[in-house]
Each structure stands twice: as C-alpha cells, then as structure tokens.
Amino acid sequence: MLTMPEGTAWMEQILFRIEHGEGKIQDLNLLFSIAGKIEGNTICPLGDAAAWPVASVLRHFRKEFEYTSSTRKE
C-alpha cells in the first residue's frame, strides 16, 4: 500500500529529475500511476490536492513531457 507522504515524495523526486533534464519516458507512466494510487485513496485531502495537478498536467501536456524526457542531457 502506498501512503500519501511516501507517494508525494516520490512524485517530487521524479518531477525534480524531469525538471533538471534527467527524466525518462518511463517516469511519466510512473508519475501517473503514483498519482492514481493516491487519488481517492487517502483520508487526508492533501493527497488528492497533490495528485490531481500531476495527473492533470500529464493528461494535457504529455507530449511536452515526452519531448523533454527524450531530449534529456547526457
């Protein structure tokens, strides 16, 4: 079982990697999966508040994330 604090920490680490040019295409699926496991499965409303923006930005801007991840720095 994934807890909200653990899941949000993972999302932050993955987003940090993507932001700094170290992300991979697989990270996008992992982010979406983590957000889905948090969303609606915690008693704390902060879980949904953290998961929704991540899932939404991936739904609407996935191609941009894929481009950024595929042209990452070596």
N, C-alpha and C. Protein backbone atom coordinates (compact mmCIF):
# COMPACT_ATOMS: atom_id res chain seq x y z
N MET A 1 0.84 -1.18 0.00
CA MET A 1 0.00 0.00 0.00
C MET A 1 0.89 1.25 0.00
N LEU A 2 0.50 2.21 -0.78
CA LEU A 2 1.25 3.45 -0.91
C LEU A 2 0.62 4.51 -0.02
N THR A 3 1.42 5.09 0.85
CA THR A 3 0.90 6.16 1.70
C THR A 3 1.07 7.50 1.00
N MET A 4 0.24 8.45 1.37
CA MET A 4 0.27 9.77 0.75
C MET A 4 1.64 10.45 0.92
N PRO A 5 2.22 10.48 2.12
CA PRO A 5 3.53 11.14 2.25
C PRO A 5 4.61 10.46 1.40
N GLU A 6 4.58 9.14 1.34
CA GLU A 6 5.56 8.41 0.55
C GLU A 6 5.35 8.69 -0.94
N GLY A 7 4.11 8.65 -1.39
CA GLY A 7 3.80 8.88 -2.81
C GLY A 7 4.12 10.28 -3.27
N THR A 8 3.80 11.26 -2.44
CA THR A 8 4.10 12.65 -2.83
C THR A 8 5.61 12.89 -2.87
N ALA A 9 6.35 12.24 -1.99
CA ALA A 9 7.81 12.36 -2.02
C ALA A 9 8.36 11.76 -3.31
N TRP A 10 7.83 10.62 -3.71
CA TRP A 10 8.26 10.01 -4.97
C TRP A 10 7.93 10.91 -6.15
N MET A 11 6.72 11.48 -6.16
CA MET A 11 6.34 12.37 -7.26
C MET A 11 7.29 13.56 -7.33
N GLU A 12 7.63 14.11 -6.18
CA GLU A 12 8.54 15.26 -6.15
C GLU A 12 9.91 14.89 -6.72
N GLN A 13 10.43 13.72 -6.33
CA GLN A 13 11.74 13.29 -6.83
C GLN A 13 11.72 13.10 -8.35
N ILE A 14 10.66 12.49 -8.86
CA ILE A 14 10.55 12.25 -10.30
C ILE A 14 10.42 13.58 -11.05
N LEU A 15 9.58 14.47 -10.55
CA LEU A 15 9.42 15.78 -11.19
C LEU A 15 10.72 16.57 -11.16
N PHE A 16 11.47 16.45 -10.09
CA PHE A 16 12.77 17.13 -9.98
C PHE A 16 13.72 16.61 -11.06
N ARG A 17 13.76 15.28 -11.24
CA ARG A 17 14.61 14.70 -12.28
C ARG A 17 14.22 15.21 -13.66
N ILE A 18 12.91 15.23 -13.93
CA ILE A 18 12.43 15.70 -15.23
C ILE A 18 12.81 17.17 -15.43
N GLU A 19 12.58 17.98 -14.40
CA GLU A 19 12.88 19.41 -14.49
C GLU A 19 14.35 19.67 -14.77
N HIS A 20 15.22 18.82 -14.24
CA HIS A 20 16.65 19.03 -14.39
C HIS A 20 17.25 18.21 -15.52
N GLY A 21 16.41 17.76 -16.45
CA GLY A 21 16.90 17.09 -17.65
C GLY A 21 17.34 15.66 -17.46
N GLU A 22 16.95 15.02 -16.37
CA GLU A 22 17.38 13.65 -16.10
C GLU A 22 16.21 12.67 -16.15
N GLY A 23 15.06 13.13 -16.62
CA GLY A 23 13.87 12.28 -16.66
C GLY A 23 13.91 11.29 -17.80
N LYS A 24 13.13 10.23 -17.65
CA LYS A 24 12.99 9.20 -18.67
C LYS A 24 11.51 9.10 -19.03
N ILE A 25 11.24 8.55 -20.19
CA ILE A 25 9.85 8.36 -20.63
C ILE A 25 9.09 7.51 -19.60
N GLN A 26 9.73 6.50 -19.04
CA GLN A 26 9.09 5.62 -18.06
C GLN A 26 8.64 6.39 -16.82
N ASP A 27 9.32 7.50 -16.52
CA ASP A 27 8.96 8.31 -15.36
C ASP A 27 7.54 8.87 -15.49
N LEU A 28 7.11 9.15 -16.70
CA LEU A 28 5.77 9.71 -16.90
C LEU A 28 4.70 8.70 -16.52
N ASN A 29 4.88 7.44 -16.93
CA ASN A 29 3.93 6.41 -16.54
C ASN A 29 3.95 6.16 -15.05
N LEU A 30 5.13 6.20 -14.47
CA LEU A 30 5.26 6.02 -13.02
C LEU A 30 4.57 7.15 -12.26
N LEU A 31 4.77 8.39 -12.72
CA LEU A 31 4.10 9.53 -12.09
C LEU A 31 2.59 9.37 -12.13
N PHE A 32 2.07 9.02 -13.29
CA PHE A 32 0.63 8.87 -13.46
C PHE A 32 0.11 7.73 -12.56
N SER A 33 0.86 6.66 -12.47
CA SER A 33 0.48 5.54 -11.62
C SER A 33 0.47 5.92 -10.14
N ILE A 34 1.48 6.62 -9.69
CA ILE A 34 1.55 7.05 -8.29
C ILE A 34 0.39 7.99 -7.97
N ALA A 35 0.14 8.95 -8.87
CA ALA A 35 -0.97 9.88 -8.65
C ALA A 35 -2.30 9.13 -8.55
N GLY A 36 -2.48 8.12 -9.39
CA GLY A 36 -3.71 7.32 -9.35
C GLY A 36 -3.86 6.52 -8.07
N LYS A 37 -2.76 6.07 -7.52
CA LYS A 37 -2.82 5.31 -6.26
C LYS A 37 -3.13 6.21 -5.07
N ILE A 38 -2.73 7.47 -5.14
CA ILE A 38 -3.00 8.41 -4.06
C ILE A 38 -4.43 8.95 -4.16
N GLU A 39 -4.82 9.33 -5.37
CA GLU A 39 -6.11 9.98 -5.62
C GLU A 39 -7.29 9.12 -5.14
N GLY A 40 -8.04 9.67 -4.22
CA GLY A 40 -9.23 9.00 -3.71
C GLY A 40 -8.97 7.86 -2.75
N ASN A 41 -7.72 7.64 -2.37
CA ASN A 41 -7.39 6.51 -1.51
C ASN A 41 -6.81 6.91 -0.16
N THR A 42 -6.87 8.18 0.16
CA THR A 42 -6.36 8.62 1.45
C THR A 42 -7.46 9.39 2.19
N ILE A 43 -7.38 9.40 3.50
CA ILE A 43 -8.35 10.17 4.26
C ILE A 43 -7.97 11.64 4.32
N CYS A 44 -6.72 11.92 3.97
CA CYS A 44 -6.23 13.29 4.01
C CYS A 44 -6.52 13.97 2.67
N PRO A 45 -7.18 15.12 2.69
CA PRO A 45 -7.46 15.81 1.42
C PRO A 45 -6.21 16.31 0.72
N LEU A 46 -5.10 16.38 1.41
CA LEU A 46 -3.86 16.81 0.77
C LEU A 46 -3.37 15.80 -0.26
N GLY A 47 -3.74 14.54 -0.09
CA GLY A 47 -3.37 13.53 -1.07
C GLY A 47 -3.96 13.84 -2.43
N ASP A 48 -5.27 14.10 -2.47
CA ASP A 48 -5.92 14.47 -3.73
C ASP A 48 -5.36 15.79 -4.26
N ALA A 49 -5.12 16.73 -3.36
CA ALA A 49 -4.61 18.04 -3.76
C ALA A 49 -3.22 17.93 -4.38
N ALA A 50 -2.46 16.92 -4.01
CA ALA A 50 -1.13 16.71 -4.60
C ALA A 50 -1.21 15.90 -5.88
N ALA A 51 -2.12 14.93 -5.94
CA ALA A 51 -2.20 14.03 -7.08
C ALA A 51 -2.88 14.66 -8.29
N TRP A 52 -3.93 15.42 -8.09
CA TRP A 52 -4.70 15.98 -9.21
C TRP A 52 -3.88 16.84 -10.16
N PRO A 53 -3.09 17.79 -9.66
CA PRO A 53 -2.32 18.61 -10.61
C PRO A 53 -1.32 17.79 -11.43
N VAL A 54 -0.69 16.81 -10.81
CA VAL A 54 0.28 15.98 -11.52
C VAL A 54 -0.42 15.18 -12.62
N ALA A 55 -1.53 14.53 -12.27
CA ALA A 55 -2.28 13.76 -13.26
C ALA A 55 -2.81 14.67 -14.37
N SER A 56 -3.29 15.83 -14.01
CA SER A 56 -3.85 16.76 -14.99
C SER A 56 -2.80 17.27 -15.97
N VAL A 57 -1.65 17.65 -15.45
CA VAL A 57 -0.60 18.17 -16.34
C VAL A 57 -0.09 17.07 -17.27
N LEU A 58 -0.07 15.84 -16.81
CA LEU A 58 0.35 14.74 -17.67
C LEU A 58 -0.70 14.47 -18.75
N ARG A 59 -1.98 14.57 -18.39
CA ARG A 59 -3.03 14.38 -19.39
C ARG A 59 -3.00 15.45 -20.47
N HIS A 60 -2.77 16.68 -20.09
CA HIS A 60 -2.86 17.80 -21.02
C HIS A 60 -1.54 18.13 -21.74
N PHE A 61 -0.42 17.80 -21.12
CA PHE A 61 0.88 18.19 -21.69
C PHE A 61 1.86 17.02 -21.80
N ARG A 62 1.33 15.82 -21.97
CA ARG A 62 2.18 14.64 -22.01
C ARG A 62 3.24 14.73 -23.12
N LYS A 63 2.85 15.22 -24.29
CA LYS A 63 3.81 15.30 -25.41
C LYS A 63 4.99 16.20 -25.06
N GLU A 64 4.73 17.28 -24.36
CA GLU A 64 5.81 18.17 -23.95
C GLU A 64 6.74 17.47 -22.95
N PHE A 65 6.15 16.73 -22.03
CA PHE A 65 6.97 15.97 -21.07
C PHE A 65 7.78 14.90 -21.79
N GLU A 66 7.16 14.22 -22.76
CA GLU A 66 7.88 13.19 -23.52
C GLU A 66 9.03 13.81 -24.29
N TYR A 67 8.80 14.97 -24.91
CA TYR A 67 9.88 15.64 -25.64
C TYR A 67 11.02 16.00 -24.69
N THR A 68 10.68 16.58 -23.56
CA THR A 68 11.70 16.97 -22.59
C THR A 68 12.48 15.76 -22.10
N SER A 69 11.78 14.65 -21.87
CA SER A 69 12.43 13.45 -21.37
C SER A 69 13.27 12.76 -22.45
N SER A 70 12.85 12.86 -23.71
CA SER A 70 13.60 12.19 -24.78
C SER A 70 14.80 13.01 -25.23
N THR A 71 14.82 14.29 -24.93
CA THR A 71 15.96 15.13 -25.31
C THR A 71 16.77 15.52 -24.08
N ARG A 72 16.79 14.66 -23.11
CA ARG A 72 17.47 14.97 -21.86
C ARG A 72 18.97 15.08 -22.04
N LYS A 73 19.58 15.75 -21.09
CA LYS A 73 21.03 15.93 -21.11
C LYS A 73 21.71 14.60 -20.84
N GLU A 74 22.80 14.40 -21.48
CA GLU A 74 23.59 13.17 -21.26
C GLU A 74 24.76 13.47 -20.37
